[in-house]
Amino acid sequence: MYEKDREEIIAEKMYKDIVLRRIEDYRKVLENEACNFVGDAIDEAVIKMCCGFTEKEKKIFIEMLRVISVDTVATLLAVLEGITGESESEPEIIIDETDMVPYLHSYFIQVDDEYIRERLIKEV
């Protein structure tokens, strides 16, 4: 049986906690006809704007949020990993004496690819 690397487990947790949970929060708010939302001013303004969206526009908006969230986290992980940027230092995220940085970016992108593939299979 395949045993996942710690980096892979952390990447999956990051994806679920950072991307999917926040997207689900927005989806729930958009499904509420009253569009009630308690949050910061930017979130409130965005939700009010989205209340006028059609169902198709809401789905597109949610997908756009997912893509932006994935891109933001992937960019941060790429910077930590040294894939992008001009930093001479090599940051480390040490968990149980293991540096978690080297593969987090790749695993995070892989988790997103799997999410997209599973969603496409469900739609067919």
N, C-alpha and C. Protein backbone atom coordinates (compact mmCIF):
# COMPACT_ATOMS: atom_id res chain seq x y z
N MET A 1 0.84 -1.20 0.00
CA MET A 1 0.00 0.00 0.00
C MET A 1 0.88 1.25 0.00
N TYR A 2 0.44 2.25 -0.72
CA TYR A 2 1.18 3.50 -0.85
C TYR A 2 1.03 4.33 0.42
N GLU A 3 2.16 4.78 0.96
CA GLU A 3 2.14 5.65 2.14
C GLU A 3 2.58 7.04 1.71
N LYS A 4 1.76 8.02 2.03
CA LYS A 4 2.04 9.39 1.61
C LYS A 4 3.19 9.99 2.40
N ASP A 5 3.98 10.83 1.72
CA ASP A 5 5.03 11.60 2.39
C ASP A 5 4.37 12.64 3.28
N ARG A 6 5.10 13.08 4.30
CA ARG A 6 4.55 14.12 5.18
C ARG A 6 4.25 15.39 4.41
N GLU A 7 5.11 15.72 3.45
CA GLU A 7 4.89 16.91 2.64
C GLU A 7 3.57 16.81 1.87
N GLU A 8 3.28 15.62 1.36
CA GLU A 8 2.05 15.40 0.62
C GLU A 8 0.84 15.56 1.53
N ILE A 9 0.92 15.04 2.74
CA ILE A 9 -0.17 15.16 3.72
C ILE A 9 -0.37 16.62 4.09
N ILE A 10 0.70 17.35 4.31
CA ILE A 10 0.60 18.77 4.66
C ILE A 10 0.02 19.56 3.49
N ALA A 11 0.44 19.26 2.27
CA ALA A 11 -0.09 19.96 1.09
C ALA A 11 -1.59 19.73 0.96
N GLU A 12 -2.04 18.50 1.20
CA GLU A 12 -3.48 18.21 1.15
C GLU A 12 -4.23 18.99 2.22
N LYS A 13 -3.67 19.04 3.42
CA LYS A 13 -4.31 19.77 4.51
C LYS A 13 -4.36 21.25 4.20
N MET A 14 -3.28 21.80 3.65
CA MET A 14 -3.27 23.22 3.27
C MET A 14 -4.36 23.49 2.23
N TYR A 15 -4.47 22.61 1.25
CA TYR A 15 -5.45 22.79 0.19
C TYR A 15 -6.86 22.79 0.76
N LYS A 16 -7.14 21.82 1.63
CA LYS A 16 -8.47 21.73 2.22
C LYS A 16 -8.76 22.91 3.14
N ASP A 17 -7.79 23.27 3.98
CA ASP A 17 -8.02 24.33 4.97
C ASP A 17 -8.00 25.73 4.37
N ILE A 18 -7.10 25.97 3.44
CA ILE A 18 -6.95 27.32 2.89
C ILE A 18 -7.86 27.55 1.70
N VAL A 19 -7.91 26.61 0.79
CA VAL A 19 -8.66 26.82 -0.45
C VAL A 19 -10.11 26.36 -0.32
N LEU A 20 -10.31 25.08 -0.09
CA LEU A 20 -11.66 24.53 -0.15
C LEU A 20 -12.58 25.06 0.95
N ARG A 21 -12.06 25.20 2.16
CA ARG A 21 -12.91 25.69 3.25
C ARG A 21 -13.38 27.11 2.99
N ARG A 22 -12.50 27.96 2.53
CA ARG A 22 -12.87 29.36 2.26
C ARG A 22 -13.85 29.43 1.08
N ILE A 23 -13.61 28.63 0.05
CA ILE A 23 -14.52 28.60 -1.10
C ILE A 23 -15.90 28.13 -0.66
N GLU A 24 -15.94 27.13 0.19
CA GLU A 24 -17.22 26.63 0.68
C GLU A 24 -17.95 27.70 1.50
N ASP A 25 -17.20 28.49 2.27
CA ASP A 25 -17.81 29.59 3.02
C ASP A 25 -18.49 30.58 2.06
N TYR A 26 -17.80 30.94 1.00
CA TYR A 26 -18.37 31.86 0.01
C TYR A 26 -19.58 31.22 -0.69
N ARG A 27 -19.48 29.95 -1.03
CA ARG A 27 -20.58 29.26 -1.70
C ARG A 27 -21.84 29.29 -0.82
N LYS A 28 -21.68 29.03 0.46
CA LYS A 28 -22.82 29.04 1.38
C LYS A 28 -23.46 30.43 1.46
N VAL A 29 -22.62 31.44 1.51
CA VAL A 29 -23.15 32.81 1.57
C VAL A 29 -23.90 33.14 0.29
N LEU A 30 -23.36 32.74 -0.85
CA LEU A 30 -24.01 33.05 -2.13
C LEU A 30 -25.32 32.28 -2.31
N GLU A 31 -25.44 31.12 -1.67
CA GLU A 31 -26.68 30.35 -1.74
C GLU A 31 -27.78 30.96 -0.88
N ASN A 32 -27.40 31.76 0.10
CA ASN A 32 -28.36 32.41 0.99
C ASN A 32 -28.98 33.59 0.23
N GLU A 33 -30.26 33.53 -0.01
CA GLU A 33 -30.91 34.57 -0.80
C GLU A 33 -30.78 35.96 -0.19
N ALA A 34 -30.71 36.03 1.11
CA ALA A 34 -30.59 37.33 1.77
C ALA A 34 -29.17 37.89 1.65
N CYS A 35 -28.23 37.03 1.30
CA CYS A 35 -26.82 37.41 1.19
C CYS A 35 -26.32 38.09 2.46
N ASN A 36 -26.67 37.53 3.59
CA ASN A 36 -26.17 38.06 4.85
C ASN A 36 -24.74 37.58 5.05
N PHE A 37 -23.88 38.46 5.47
CA PHE A 37 -22.49 38.09 5.68
C PHE A 37 -21.88 38.94 6.77
N VAL A 38 -21.22 38.28 7.69
CA VAL A 38 -20.51 39.00 8.75
C VAL A 38 -19.03 38.78 8.49
N GLY A 39 -18.34 39.84 8.16
CA GLY A 39 -16.92 39.74 7.85
C GLY A 39 -16.37 41.13 7.64
N ASP A 40 -15.21 41.19 7.01
CA ASP A 40 -14.62 42.52 6.80
C ASP A 40 -15.34 43.25 5.66
N ALA A 41 -15.04 44.52 5.51
CA ALA A 41 -15.75 45.38 4.55
C ALA A 41 -15.58 44.90 3.11
N ILE A 42 -14.41 44.41 2.76
CA ILE A 42 -14.16 43.94 1.40
C ILE A 42 -15.04 42.71 1.11
N ASP A 43 -15.04 41.75 2.02
CA ASP A 43 -15.87 40.56 1.83
C ASP A 43 -17.34 40.96 1.69
N GLU A 44 -17.78 41.86 2.54
CA GLU A 44 -19.18 42.29 2.52
C GLU A 44 -19.52 42.93 1.17
N ALA A 45 -18.62 43.77 0.67
CA ALA A 45 -18.86 44.43 -0.62
C ALA A 45 -18.89 43.41 -1.76
N VAL A 46 -18.01 42.43 -1.72
CA VAL A 46 -17.97 41.40 -2.75
C VAL A 46 -19.26 40.58 -2.72
N ILE A 47 -19.69 40.20 -1.54
CA ILE A 47 -20.91 39.40 -1.42
C ILE A 47 -22.12 40.18 -1.93
N LYS A 48 -22.20 41.45 -1.58
CA LYS A 48 -23.32 42.27 -2.06
C LYS A 48 -23.31 42.35 -3.59
N MET A 49 -22.13 42.45 -4.17
CA MET A 49 -22.01 42.49 -5.62
C MET A 49 -22.49 41.17 -6.22
N CYS A 50 -22.11 40.07 -5.58
CA CYS A 50 -22.44 38.75 -6.11
C CYS A 50 -23.91 38.39 -5.97
N CYS A 51 -24.62 39.06 -5.09
CA CYS A 51 -26.05 38.76 -4.90
C CYS A 51 -26.84 38.95 -6.19
N GLY A 52 -26.37 39.80 -7.05
CA GLY A 52 -27.05 40.04 -8.32
C GLY A 52 -26.64 39.07 -9.42
N PHE A 53 -25.71 38.18 -9.13
CA PHE A 53 -25.22 37.23 -10.13
C PHE A 53 -26.27 36.15 -10.41
N THR A 54 -26.26 35.66 -11.64
CA THR A 54 -27.05 34.48 -11.97
C THR A 54 -26.33 33.27 -11.37
N GLU A 55 -26.99 32.11 -11.40
CA GLU A 55 -26.36 30.89 -10.87
C GLU A 55 -25.06 30.57 -11.63
N LYS A 56 -25.08 30.75 -12.94
CA LYS A 56 -23.88 30.49 -13.74
C LYS A 56 -22.75 31.45 -13.36
N GLU A 57 -23.09 32.72 -13.17
CA GLU A 57 -22.07 33.71 -12.78
C GLU A 57 -21.51 33.40 -11.39
N LYS A 58 -22.36 32.90 -10.48
CA LYS A 58 -21.88 32.52 -9.14
C LYS A 58 -20.89 31.37 -9.23
N LYS A 59 -21.19 30.38 -10.07
CA LYS A 59 -20.27 29.24 -10.24
C LYS A 59 -18.94 29.71 -10.81
N ILE A 60 -19.00 30.60 -11.78
CA ILE A 60 -17.77 31.14 -12.38
C ILE A 60 -16.98 31.92 -11.33
N PHE A 61 -17.67 32.73 -10.54
CA PHE A 61 -17.02 33.51 -9.49
C PHE A 61 -16.33 32.61 -8.47
N ILE A 62 -17.02 31.55 -8.04
CA ILE A 62 -16.45 30.61 -7.06
C ILE A 62 -15.21 29.93 -7.65
N GLU A 63 -15.29 29.54 -8.91
CA GLU A 63 -14.13 28.91 -9.56
C GLU A 63 -12.98 29.90 -9.66
N MET A 64 -13.28 31.15 -9.96
CA MET A 64 -12.24 32.17 -10.03
C MET A 64 -11.56 32.34 -8.67
N LEU A 65 -12.35 32.33 -7.60
CA LEU A 65 -11.78 32.42 -6.25
C LEU A 65 -10.87 31.24 -5.96
N ARG A 66 -11.27 30.04 -6.40
CA ARG A 66 -10.43 28.86 -6.19
C ARG A 66 -9.10 29.01 -6.92
N VAL A 67 -9.16 29.45 -8.16
CA VAL A 67 -7.94 29.61 -8.96
C VAL A 67 -7.02 30.65 -8.32
N ILE A 68 -7.58 31.76 -7.88
CA ILE A 68 -6.77 32.81 -7.25
C ILE A 68 -6.16 32.30 -5.94
N SER A 69 -6.94 31.57 -5.16
CA SER A 69 -6.43 31.03 -3.90
C SER A 69 -5.30 30.05 -4.14
N VAL A 70 -5.49 29.15 -5.10
CA VAL A 70 -4.45 28.17 -5.44
C VAL A 70 -3.19 28.88 -5.92
N ASP A 71 -3.35 29.85 -6.80
CA ASP A 71 -2.21 30.59 -7.32
C ASP A 71 -1.44 31.32 -6.21
N THR A 72 -2.17 31.90 -5.28
CA THR A 72 -1.54 32.63 -4.18
C THR A 72 -0.72 31.69 -3.29
N VAL A 73 -1.33 30.57 -2.89
CA VAL A 73 -0.61 29.62 -2.02
C VAL A 73 0.56 28.99 -2.78
N ALA A 74 0.35 28.62 -4.04
CA ALA A 74 1.42 28.01 -4.83
C ALA A 74 2.60 28.96 -5.01
N THR A 75 2.30 30.24 -5.20
CA THR A 75 3.38 31.23 -5.33
C THR A 75 4.16 31.36 -4.03
N LEU A 76 3.47 31.40 -2.91
CA LEU A 76 4.14 31.46 -1.62
C LEU A 76 5.03 30.23 -1.41
N LEU A 77 4.51 29.07 -1.72
CA LEU A 77 5.30 27.84 -1.56
C LEU A 77 6.49 27.83 -2.51
N ALA A 78 6.31 28.35 -3.72
CA ALA A 78 7.41 28.42 -4.69
C ALA A 78 8.51 29.34 -4.18
N VAL A 79 8.12 30.46 -3.57
CA VAL A 79 9.12 31.38 -3.01
C VAL A 79 9.88 30.69 -1.88
N LEU A 80 9.15 30.00 -1.00
CA LEU A 80 9.81 29.28 0.10
C LEU A 80 10.76 28.22 -0.42
N GLU A 81 10.35 27.56 -1.48
CA GLU A 81 11.14 26.48 -2.04
C GLU A 81 12.32 27.01 -2.87
N GLY A 82 12.28 28.29 -3.21
CA GLY A 82 13.37 28.87 -3.98
C GLY A 82 13.19 28.71 -5.47
N ILE A 83 11.99 28.31 -5.89
CA ILE A 83 11.71 28.14 -7.32
C ILE A 83 11.66 29.50 -8.00
N THR A 84 11.15 30.50 -7.28
CA THR A 84 11.05 31.83 -7.85
C THR A 84 11.66 32.81 -6.87
N GLY A 85 12.01 33.94 -7.34
CA GLY A 85 12.57 34.96 -6.46
C GLY A 85 14.09 34.96 -6.49
N GLU A 86 14.63 36.02 -5.93
CA GLU A 86 16.07 36.22 -5.95
C GLU A 86 16.72 36.00 -4.60
N SER A 87 16.00 35.38 -3.67
CA SER A 87 16.49 35.22 -2.31
C SER A 87 17.71 34.31 -2.26
N GLU A 88 18.70 34.74 -1.47
CA GLU A 88 19.90 33.92 -1.29
C GLU A 88 19.73 32.98 -0.11
N SER A 89 18.75 33.24 0.73
CA SER A 89 18.52 32.36 1.88
C SER A 89 17.60 31.22 1.47
N GLU A 90 17.70 30.14 2.18
CA GLU A 90 16.84 29.00 1.93
C GLU A 90 16.00 28.75 3.17
N PRO A 91 14.76 29.24 3.18
CA PRO A 91 13.92 29.06 4.36
C PRO A 91 13.62 27.59 4.61
N GLU A 92 13.35 27.28 5.86
CA GLU A 92 13.00 25.92 6.24
C GLU A 92 11.73 25.94 7.07
N ILE A 93 10.93 24.91 6.90
CA ILE A 93 9.80 24.67 7.79
C ILE A 93 10.08 23.30 8.38
N ILE A 94 10.50 23.28 9.64
CA ILE A 94 10.91 22.05 10.28
C ILE A 94 9.76 21.47 11.10
N ILE A 95 9.39 20.25 10.79
CA ILE A 95 8.40 19.51 11.56
C ILE A 95 9.00 18.15 11.87
N ASP A 96 9.09 17.83 13.15
CA ASP A 96 9.70 16.57 13.58
C ASP A 96 11.07 16.35 12.93
N GLU A 97 11.88 17.40 12.98
CA GLU A 97 13.26 17.37 12.48
C GLU A 97 13.36 17.15 10.97
N THR A 98 12.29 17.38 10.24
CA THR A 98 12.30 17.22 8.79
C THR A 98 11.93 18.54 8.14
N ASP A 99 12.73 18.96 7.15
CA ASP A 99 12.43 20.18 6.40
C ASP A 99 11.29 19.90 5.44
N MET A 100 10.18 20.60 5.60
CA MET A 100 8.99 20.35 4.81
C MET A 100 8.94 21.17 3.52
N VAL A 101 9.86 22.09 3.31
CA VAL A 101 9.79 23.00 2.17
C VAL A 101 10.02 22.32 0.82
N PRO A 102 10.98 21.40 0.67
CA PRO A 102 11.38 20.98 -0.67
C PRO A 102 10.29 20.52 -1.63
N TYR A 103 9.24 19.88 -1.16
CA TYR A 103 8.27 19.33 -2.10
C TYR A 103 6.86 19.89 -1.92
N LEU A 104 6.67 20.82 -1.00
CA LEU A 104 5.33 21.32 -0.73
C LEU A 104 4.68 21.93 -1.97
N HIS A 105 5.43 22.71 -2.74
CA HIS A 105 4.88 23.36 -3.93
C HIS A 105 4.38 22.31 -4.92
N SER A 106 5.20 21.34 -5.21
CA SER A 106 4.83 20.29 -6.18
C SER A 106 3.62 19.50 -5.71
N TYR A 107 3.62 19.14 -4.43
CA TYR A 107 2.49 18.38 -3.90
C TYR A 107 1.22 19.21 -3.89
N PHE A 108 1.33 20.50 -3.56
CA PHE A 108 0.16 21.37 -3.53
C PHE A 108 -0.47 21.45 -4.92
N ILE A 109 0.34 21.63 -5.95
CA ILE A 109 -0.15 21.68 -7.32
C ILE A 109 -0.77 20.33 -7.70
N GLN A 110 -0.16 19.25 -7.26
CA GLN A 110 -0.68 17.91 -7.53
C GLN A 110 -2.07 17.73 -6.89
N VAL A 111 -2.24 18.21 -5.66
CA VAL A 111 -3.54 18.12 -4.98
C VAL A 111 -4.59 18.89 -5.78
N ASP A 112 -4.24 20.07 -6.27
CA ASP A 112 -5.19 20.84 -7.08
C ASP A 112 -5.53 20.11 -8.37
N ASP A 113 -4.55 19.52 -9.02
CA ASP A 113 -4.80 18.74 -10.24
C ASP A 113 -5.77 17.59 -9.96
N GLU A 114 -5.58 16.90 -8.83
CA GLU A 114 -6.46 15.79 -8.46
C GLU A 114 -7.87 16.30 -8.19
N TYR A 115 -7.99 17.46 -7.54
CA TYR A 115 -9.30 18.05 -7.26
C TYR A 115 -10.03 18.34 -8.58
N ILE A 116 -9.33 18.93 -9.54
CA ILE A 116 -9.93 19.26 -10.84
C ILE A 116 -10.35 17.98 -11.56
N ARG A 117 -9.48 16.98 -11.57
CA ARG A 117 -9.77 15.72 -12.25
C ARG A 117 -11.01 15.04 -11.64
N GLU A 118 -11.09 14.99 -10.30
CA GLU A 118 -12.25 14.38 -9.63
C GLU A 118 -13.53 15.14 -9.95
N ARG A 119 -13.45 16.46 -9.98
CA ARG A 119 -14.62 17.28 -10.28
C ARG A 119 -15.09 17.05 -11.71
N LEU A 120 -14.16 16.95 -12.64
CA LEU A 120 -14.52 16.71 -14.04
C LEU A 120 -15.17 15.33 -14.21
N ILE A 121 -14.67 14.34 -13.50
CA ILE A 121 -15.24 12.99 -13.58
C ILE A 121 -16.68 13.01 -13.06
N LYS A 122 -16.94 13.75 -11.97
CA LYS A 122 -18.28 13.83 -11.41
C LYS A 122 -19.24 14.52 -12.37
N GLU A 123 -18.75 15.47 -13.16
CA GLU A 123 -19.60 16.22 -14.07
C GLU A 123 -19.98 15.42 -15.31
N VAL A 124 -19.21 14.39 -15.63
CA VAL A 124 -19.47 13.59 -16.85
C VAL A 124 -20.56 12.61 -16.66
